[in-house]
């Protein structure tokens, strides 16, 4: 199993409305899941809930930003592991080969 873990942080709709255009660049909106922020790290300790997000600057260089939000804005945090897809949808059923019947 791959150890790469990230987090999907869902905000309350009122929090998204309150933050407005400031939060829009950080949101990922998947129709079946809804708007959320994908983070490499989270820290719920302290007066603010801190989200570390990875991105690119205007020249394509990797940058890291920390978003500090009030705890009351956070609706749900989901741990994402890179070994499977995220979201609600049809899953492929695992096919188990048939076991031959025992002969007497």
C-alpha atoms as a PDB file:
ATOM      1  CA  UNK A   1       0.000   0.000   0.000  1.00  0.00           C
ATOM      2  CA  UNK A   2       1.250   3.481  -0.864  1.00  0.00           C
ATOM      3  CA  UNK A   3       1.765   5.698   2.176  1.00  0.00           C
ATOM      4  CA  UNK A   4       0.886   8.972   0.400  1.00  0.00           C
ATOM      5  CA  UNK A   5      -2.034  10.483   2.293  1.00  0.00           C
ATOM      6  CA  UNK A   6      -3.878  13.702   1.733  1.00  0.00           C
ATOM      7  CA  UNK A   7      -7.063  15.122   3.165  1.00  0.00           C
ATOM      8  CA  UNK A   8     -10.308  16.401   1.698  1.00  0.00           C
ATOM      9  CA  UNK A   9     -11.655  19.166   3.931  1.00  0.00           C
ATOM     10  CA  UNK A  10     -15.296  20.096   3.469  1.00  0.00           C
ATOM     11  CA  UNK A  11     -16.522  23.498   4.624  1.00  0.00           C
ATOM     12  CA  UNK A  12     -20.050  24.481   5.557  1.00  0.00           C
ATOM     13  CA  UNK A  13     -21.827  26.265   2.665  1.00  0.00           C
ATOM     14  CA  UNK A  14     -22.104  29.391   4.828  1.00  0.00           C
ATOM     15  CA  UNK A  15     -18.309  29.361   5.298  1.00  0.00           C
ATOM     16  CA  UNK A  16     -17.769  29.238   1.529  1.00  0.00           C
ATOM     17  CA  UNK A  17     -20.226  32.122   1.104  1.00  0.00           C
ATOM     18  CA  UNK A  18     -18.532  34.126   3.876  1.00  0.00           C
ATOM     19  CA  UNK A  19     -15.042  33.625   2.438  1.00  0.00           C
ATOM     20  CA  UNK A  20     -16.253  34.334  -1.102  1.00  0.00           C
ATOM     21  CA  UNK A  21     -13.680  34.803  -3.865  1.00  0.00           C
ATOM     22  CA  UNK A  22     -10.763  34.338  -1.453  1.00  0.00           C
ATOM     23  CA  UNK A  23     -11.424  30.604  -1.016  1.00  0.00           C
ATOM     24  CA  UNK A  24     -12.478  29.786  -4.600  1.00  0.00           C
ATOM     25  CA  UNK A  25      -8.941  29.063  -5.951  1.00  0.00           C
ATOM     26  CA  UNK A  26      -8.431  26.420  -3.244  1.00  0.00           C
ATOM     27  CA  UNK A  27     -11.703  24.553  -3.825  1.00  0.00           C
ATOM     28  CA  UNK A  28     -11.979  21.366  -5.855  1.00  0.00           C
ATOM     29  CA  UNK A  29     -15.556  20.748  -6.938  1.00  0.00           C
ATOM     30  CA  UNK A  30     -16.465  17.188  -7.869  1.00  0.00           C
ATOM     31  CA  UNK A  31     -20.162  16.880  -8.824  1.00  0.00           C
ATOM     32  CA  UNK A  32     -20.812  13.652  -6.884  1.00  0.00           C
ATOM     33  CA  UNK A  33     -18.860  14.845  -3.823  1.00  0.00           C
ATOM     34  CA  UNK A  34     -19.163  18.632  -3.676  1.00  0.00           C
ATOM     35  CA  UNK A  35     -16.667  21.430  -3.091  1.00  0.00           C
ATOM     36  CA  UNK A  36     -13.720  20.604  -0.850  1.00  0.00           C
ATOM     37  CA  UNK A  37     -10.086  21.562  -0.264  1.00  0.00           C
ATOM     38  CA  UNK A  38      -7.407  18.929  -0.896  1.00  0.00           C
ATOM     39  CA  UNK A  39      -4.596  19.301   1.669  1.00  0.00           C
ATOM     40  CA  UNK A  40      -1.286  17.586   2.236  1.00  0.00           C
ATOM     41  CA  UNK A  41      -1.467  18.257   5.980  1.00  0.00           C
ATOM     42  CA  UNK A  42      -3.993  19.440   8.548  1.00  0.00           C
ATOM     43  CA  UNK A  43      -3.557  20.721  12.081  1.00  0.00           C
ATOM     44  CA  UNK A  44      -6.752  21.121  14.105  1.00  0.00           C
ATOM     45  CA  UNK A  45      -4.878  22.220  17.257  1.00  0.00           C
ATOM     46  CA  UNK A  46      -4.811  25.843  18.257  1.00  0.00           C
ATOM     47  CA  UNK A  47      -7.199  28.717  17.678  1.00  0.00           C
ATOM     48  CA  UNK A  48      -7.486  27.994  13.928  1.00  0.00           C
ATOM     49  CA  UNK A  49      -7.781  24.843  11.825  1.00  0.00           C
ATOM     50  CA  UNK A  50      -4.648  24.938   9.641  1.00  0.00           C
ATOM     51  CA  UNK A  51      -4.684  23.411   6.152  1.00  0.00           C
ATOM     52  CA  UNK A  52      -1.474  22.984   4.142  1.00  0.00           C
ATOM     53  CA  UNK A  53      -2.151  23.021   0.395  1.00  0.00           C
ATOM     54  CA  UNK A  54       0.217  22.375  -2.496  1.00  0.00           C
ATOM     55  CA  UNK A  55       0.052  24.406  -5.678  1.00  0.00           C
ATOM     56  CA  UNK A  56       1.956  26.158  -8.455  1.00  0.00           C
ATOM     57  CA  UNK A  57       2.828  29.834  -8.849  1.00  0.00           C
ATOM     58  CA  UNK A  58       2.431  31.811 -12.090  1.00  0.00           C
ATOM     59  CA  UNK A  59       5.759  30.449 -13.338  1.00  0.00           C
ATOM     60  CA  UNK A  60       4.905  26.814 -12.615  1.00  0.00           C
ATOM     61  CA  UNK A  61       7.086  26.418  -9.513  1.00  0.00           C
ATOM     62  CA  UNK A  62       5.760  24.308  -6.647  1.00  0.00           C
ATOM     63  CA  UNK A  63       4.490  26.384  -3.721  1.00  0.00           C
ATOM     64  CA  UNK A  64       2.965  25.535  -0.371  1.00  0.00           C
ATOM     65  CA  UNK A  65       0.336  27.652   1.364  1.00  0.00           C
ATOM     66  CA  UNK A  66      -1.220  27.452   4.812  1.00  0.00           C
ATOM     67  CA  UNK A  67      -4.862  28.339   5.184  1.00  0.00           C
ATOM     68  CA  UNK A  68      -6.022  29.109   8.702  1.00  0.00           C
ATOM     69  CA  UNK A  69      -9.765  28.834   9.150  1.00  0.00           C
ATOM     70  CA  UNK A  70     -12.030  29.049  12.183  1.00  0.00           C
ATOM     71  CA  UNK A  71     -12.974  25.602  13.482  1.00  0.00           C
ATOM     72  CA  UNK A  72     -16.656  26.451  13.000  1.00  0.00           C
ATOM     73  CA  UNK A  73     -16.094  26.579   9.199  1.00  0.00           C
ATOM     74  CA  UNK A  74     -15.024  22.908   9.015  1.00  0.00           C
ATOM     75  CA  UNK A  75     -17.807  20.454   8.225  1.00  0.00           C
ATOM     76  CA  UNK A  76     -15.891  17.217   7.573  1.00  0.00           C
ATOM     77  CA  UNK A  77     -12.351  15.922   7.050  1.00  0.00           C
ATOM     78  CA  UNK A  78     -11.770  12.796   4.962  1.00  0.00           C
ATOM     79  CA  UNK A  79      -8.406  11.029   4.837  1.00  0.00           C
ATOM     80  CA  UNK A  80      -7.487  10.129   1.251  1.00  0.00           C
ATOM     81  CA  UNK A  81      -5.043   7.361   0.473  1.00  0.00           C
ATOM     82  CA  UNK A  82      -3.482   7.229  -2.969  1.00  0.00           C
ATOM     83  CA  UNK A  83      -4.231   3.541  -3.426  1.00  0.00           C
ATOM     84  CA  UNK A  84      -7.913   4.108  -4.313  1.00  0.00           C
ATOM     85  CA  UNK A  85     -10.265   6.673  -5.845  1.00  0.00           C
ATOM     86  CA  UNK A  86     -12.181   9.223  -3.806  1.00  0.00           C
ATOM     87  CA  UNK A  87     -15.868   9.837  -4.202  1.00  0.00           C
ATOM     88  CA  UNK A  88     -19.247   8.261  -4.318  1.00  0.00           C
ATOM     89  CA  UNK A  89     -19.874   6.199  -7.391  1.00  0.00           C
ATOM     90  CA  UNK A  90     -20.063   2.746  -8.812  1.00  0.00           C
ATOM     91  CA  UNK A  91     -17.332   0.455  -7.598  1.00  0.00           C
ATOM     92  CA  UNK A  92     -16.014  -2.428  -9.636  1.00  0.00           C
ATOM     93  CA  UNK A  93     -17.045  -5.713  -8.108  1.00  0.00           C
ATOM     94  CA  UNK A  94     -14.258  -8.097  -7.381  1.00  0.00           C
ATOM     95  CA  UNK A  95     -14.753 -11.340  -9.266  1.00  0.00           C
ATOM     96  CA  UNK A  96     -13.956 -14.395  -7.184  1.00  0.00           C
ATOM     97  CA  UNK A  97     -13.171 -17.477  -9.235  1.00  0.00           C
ATOM     98  CA  UNK A  98     -15.556 -20.370  -8.726  1.00  0.00           C
ATOM     99  CA  UNK A  99     -14.268 -23.242  -6.646  1.00  0.00           C
ATOM    100  CA  UNK A 100     -14.863 -26.633  -8.276  1.00  0.00           C
ATOM    101  CA  UNK A 101     -17.259 -28.867  -6.371  1.00  0.00           C
ATOM    102  CA  UNK A 102     -15.661 -31.717  -4.448  1.00  0.00           C
ATOM    103  CA  UNK A 103     -16.046 -35.102  -6.117  1.00  0.00           C
ATOM    104  CA  UNK A 104     -17.060 -38.102  -4.031  1.00  0.00           C
END
